[in-house]
Amino acid sequence: IKREIDGEARLKALRSIWGDSAAITAEDDAGRYLISRGIQPPFSTALRFVPRLKVTGESVPFLSAMIAVVCDPQGEPITMHRTYLQDGKKAEIASPRRMMPGDLPKGSFIKLAPAAKIMGVAEGIETAILASRRFNVPCWALISADNMRGFIPPPECRWLRIFGDNDLKFGGQAAAYDLAHRLAVR
């Protein structure tokens, strides 16, 4: 059963979780997780670590988590992305990556760096960070292929580099091409 919460309760929950979080360090679960994914410090200040966060619908009631604020297509914070962790790895639960309850408009994003004239987008947080470092361009995470298809670059952006996931069934590449095509013909 999916539990919906109203706007005020969601905002209160988001503020509480953010207030319980801290900057990620190389020694905490989030830092060890990012390092295992090839991401060395310093870590994005858009990502935070929560040592104990409630997990619903699982055999474990609490886990540590890496969290990030999710913005709607207009750039307004609307929800939070959680990556549940255990011993520096993604937790072995049904869905270690989850959004807080509520709507997620198509085109939503995680702003890992300030908007720029030349910037990039990728589907996942880790892919966005790695692309940013490898190609020396600020990059935002778009969370899913559907969000990639609906992404609208911020006004500051004049050139957008699109980093599609290398999925076995080509979903990430298809979403990247859909975005590139839509932006090229507008």
Protein backbone atom coordinates (compact mmCIF):
# COMPACT_ATOMS: atom_id res chain seq x y z
CA ILE A 1 0.00 0.00 0.00
CA LYS A 2 1.48 3.33 -1.07
CA ARG A 3 1.05 6.01 1.56
CA GLU A 4 0.39 9.51 0.26
CA ILE A 5 1.16 12.52 2.42
CA ASP A 6 -0.09 16.06 1.92
CA GLY A 7 2.19 18.95 1.01
CA GLU A 8 2.70 20.32 4.50
CA ALA A 9 3.42 16.89 6.03
CA ARG A 10 5.81 16.08 3.17
CA LEU A 11 7.64 19.38 3.64
CA LYS A 12 7.95 18.73 7.37
CA ALA A 13 9.31 15.20 6.72
CA LEU A 14 11.80 16.49 4.14
CA ARG A 15 13.06 19.21 6.49
CA SER A 16 13.40 16.69 9.31
CA ILE A 17 15.41 14.25 7.18
CA TRP A 18 17.63 17.04 5.83
CA GLY A 19 18.14 18.31 9.39
CA ASP A 20 19.27 14.84 10.47
CA SER A 21 21.78 14.64 7.61
CA ALA A 22 25.42 15.63 7.37
CA ALA A 23 27.96 16.27 4.66
CA ILE A 24 29.28 13.03 3.19
CA THR A 25 32.75 11.97 4.29
CA ALA A 26 34.99 9.19 3.01
CA GLU A 27 34.45 7.32 6.29
CA ASP A 28 30.64 7.09 6.33
CA ASP A 29 28.47 4.59 4.40
CA ALA A 30 27.68 7.12 1.65
CA GLY A 31 31.32 8.05 1.15
CA ARG A 32 32.42 4.40 1.06
CA TYR A 33 29.59 3.68 -1.41
CA LEU A 34 30.58 6.55 -3.72
CA ILE A 35 34.26 5.55 -3.55
CA SER A 36 33.27 1.97 -4.49
CA ARG A 37 31.57 3.46 -7.57
CA GLY A 38 34.79 5.26 -8.58
CA ILE A 39 33.85 8.67 -7.12
CA GLN A 40 36.57 10.14 -4.93
CA PRO A 41 36.18 13.08 -2.52
CA PRO A 42 35.35 15.90 -2.51
CA PHE A 43 31.70 14.89 -2.76
CA SER A 44 28.90 17.09 -4.07
CA THR A 45 27.31 19.23 -1.38
CA ALA A 46 23.96 18.41 -3.03
CA LEU A 47 24.30 14.92 -1.54
CA ARG A 48 24.00 14.27 2.18
CA PHE A 49 24.36 11.31 4.53
CA VAL A 50 21.75 10.15 7.05
CA PRO A 51 23.06 7.51 9.48
CA ARG A 52 19.59 6.18 10.35
CA LEU A 53 16.53 6.54 8.11
CA LYS A 54 13.23 4.67 8.28
CA VAL A 55 12.65 1.99 5.64
CA THR A 56 9.04 1.02 4.94
CA GLY A 57 7.96 -2.39 3.72
CA GLU A 58 11.24 -4.17 4.48
CA SER A 59 12.48 -6.58 7.14
CA VAL A 60 14.91 -3.93 8.44
CA PRO A 61 13.20 -0.87 9.96
CA PHE A 62 16.17 1.53 9.58
CA LEU A 63 19.21 1.87 7.32
CA SER A 64 21.71 4.60 6.54
CA ALA A 65 21.09 6.56 3.34
CA MET A 66 22.50 8.99 0.84
CA ILE A 67 19.90 11.67 0.13
CA ALA A 68 19.45 14.41 -2.47
CA VAL A 69 16.82 17.10 -3.01
CA VAL A 70 14.78 16.68 -6.19
CA CYS A 71 13.56 19.79 -8.03
CA ASP A 72 10.58 20.09 -10.36
CA PRO A 73 11.09 21.28 -13.97
CA GLN A 74 10.93 24.92 -12.76
CA GLY A 75 13.74 24.30 -10.26
CA GLU A 76 11.61 24.27 -7.10
CA PRO A 77 12.48 21.61 -4.48
CA ILE A 78 9.63 19.08 -4.33
CA THR A 79 10.86 15.81 -2.86
CA MET A 80 13.89 13.76 -1.89
CA HIS A 81 15.75 10.86 -3.47
CA ARG A 82 17.09 8.22 -1.08
CA THR A 83 19.71 5.56 -1.70
CA TYR A 84 19.60 3.13 1.21
CA LEU A 85 23.00 1.80 2.22
CA GLN A 86 24.49 -0.94 4.36
CA ASP A 87 28.20 -1.37 5.06
CA GLY A 88 29.21 1.07 2.30
CA LYS A 89 27.10 -0.66 -0.38
CA LYS A 90 23.57 -0.34 -1.72
CA ALA A 91 21.35 -2.08 0.80
CA GLU A 92 20.12 -5.51 -0.23
CA ILE A 93 16.44 -4.62 -0.18
CA ALA A 94 13.79 -4.70 -2.92
CA SER A 95 14.28 -1.02 -3.88
CA PRO A 96 17.43 0.55 -2.45
CA ARG A 97 16.77 3.72 -4.48
CA ARG A 98 13.49 5.43 -3.63
CA MET A 99 11.69 8.73 -3.88
CA MET A 100 9.70 10.21 -1.02
CA PRO A 101 5.94 9.72 -1.57
CA GLY A 102 4.20 12.16 -3.91
CA ASP A 103 4.13 13.28 -7.52
CA LEU A 104 7.29 13.52 -9.57
CA PRO A 105 6.67 15.72 -12.62
CA LYS A 106 8.35 14.64 -15.85
CA GLY A 107 11.58 16.61 -16.25
CA SER A 108 12.45 16.72 -12.53
CA PHE A 109 16.14 16.70 -11.60
CA ILE A 110 18.78 16.63 -8.88
CA LYS A 111 20.90 19.77 -9.13
CA LEU A 112 24.39 18.43 -8.34
CA ALA A 113 26.10 21.69 -9.39
CA PRO A 114 25.04 25.20 -10.34
CA ALA A 115 23.53 25.74 -13.79
CA ALA A 116 26.08 26.78 -16.41
CA LYS A 117 26.40 27.87 -20.04
CA ILE A 118 27.80 24.43 -20.87
CA MET A 119 26.48 21.59 -18.73
CA GLY A 120 25.48 17.96 -18.83
CA VAL A 121 22.71 15.63 -17.72
CA ALA A 122 22.68 11.92 -16.93
CA GLU A 123 20.05 9.56 -15.62
CA GLY A 124 21.56 8.55 -12.27
CA ILE A 125 23.44 10.43 -9.56
CA GLU A 126 26.63 8.40 -9.86
CA THR A 127 26.66 8.59 -13.68
CA ALA A 128 26.16 12.37 -13.52
CA ILE A 129 29.05 12.81 -11.07
CA LEU A 130 31.39 10.58 -13.09
CA ALA A 131 30.47 12.34 -16.36
CA SER A 132 30.99 15.72 -14.71
CA ARG A 133 34.47 14.78 -13.57
CA ARG A 134 35.50 12.98 -16.73
CA PHE A 135 34.33 15.70 -19.12
CA ASN A 136 34.86 18.70 -16.80
CA VAL A 137 31.28 19.94 -17.09
CA PRO A 138 28.67 20.51 -14.35
CA CYS A 139 26.09 17.74 -14.60
CA TRP A 140 22.62 17.14 -13.13
CA ALA A 141 20.98 13.78 -12.42
CA LEU A 142 17.56 13.29 -14.03
CA ILE A 143 16.58 10.22 -11.94
CA SER A 144 14.89 8.20 -14.72
CA ALA A 145 14.59 7.80 -18.47
CA ASP A 146 11.16 9.48 -18.39
CA ASN A 147 12.59 12.52 -16.62
CA MET A 148 15.37 12.65 -19.21
CA ARG A 149 12.80 12.73 -22.00
CA GLY A 150 10.98 15.64 -20.35
CA PHE A 151 13.97 17.69 -19.17
CA ILE A 152 14.05 21.40 -19.95
CA PRO A 153 17.51 22.96 -19.58
CA PRO A 154 17.76 26.03 -17.35
CA PRO A 155 17.96 29.43 -19.09
CA GLU A 156 21.71 29.70 -18.35
CA CYS A 157 22.42 26.58 -20.42
CA ARG A 158 23.36 27.13 -24.08
CA TRP A 159 25.02 23.75 -24.76
CA LEU A 160 23.81 20.55 -23.15
CA ARG A 161 25.82 17.33 -23.11
CA ILE A 162 23.59 14.29 -22.65
CA PHE A 163 25.04 11.17 -21.05
CA GLY A 164 22.73 8.20 -21.69
CA ASP A 165 22.86 5.07 -19.55
CA ASN A 166 24.35 2.04 -21.28
CA ASP A 167 21.33 -0.23 -20.67
CA LEU A 168 21.17 -3.75 -22.11
CA LYS A 169 17.72 -3.00 -23.54
CA PHE A 170 18.78 0.50 -24.76
CA GLY A 171 16.27 2.43 -22.59
CA GLY A 172 18.87 4.94 -21.39
CA GLN A 173 20.24 5.52 -24.88
CA ALA A 174 16.72 5.91 -26.29
CA ALA A 175 15.84 8.52 -23.64
CA ALA A 176 19.07 10.40 -24.34
CA TYR A 177 18.34 10.47 -28.08
CA ASP A 178 14.73 11.53 -27.42
CA LEU A 179 15.96 14.50 -25.37
CA ALA A 180 18.62 15.41 -27.93
CA HIS A 181 16.09 15.22 -30.76
CA ARG A 182 13.49 17.31 -28.93
CA LEU A 183 16.04 20.02 -28.11
CA ALA A 184 17.46 20.01 -31.66
CA VAL A 185 14.11 20.60 -33.35
CA ARG A 186 12.61 23.16 -30.96
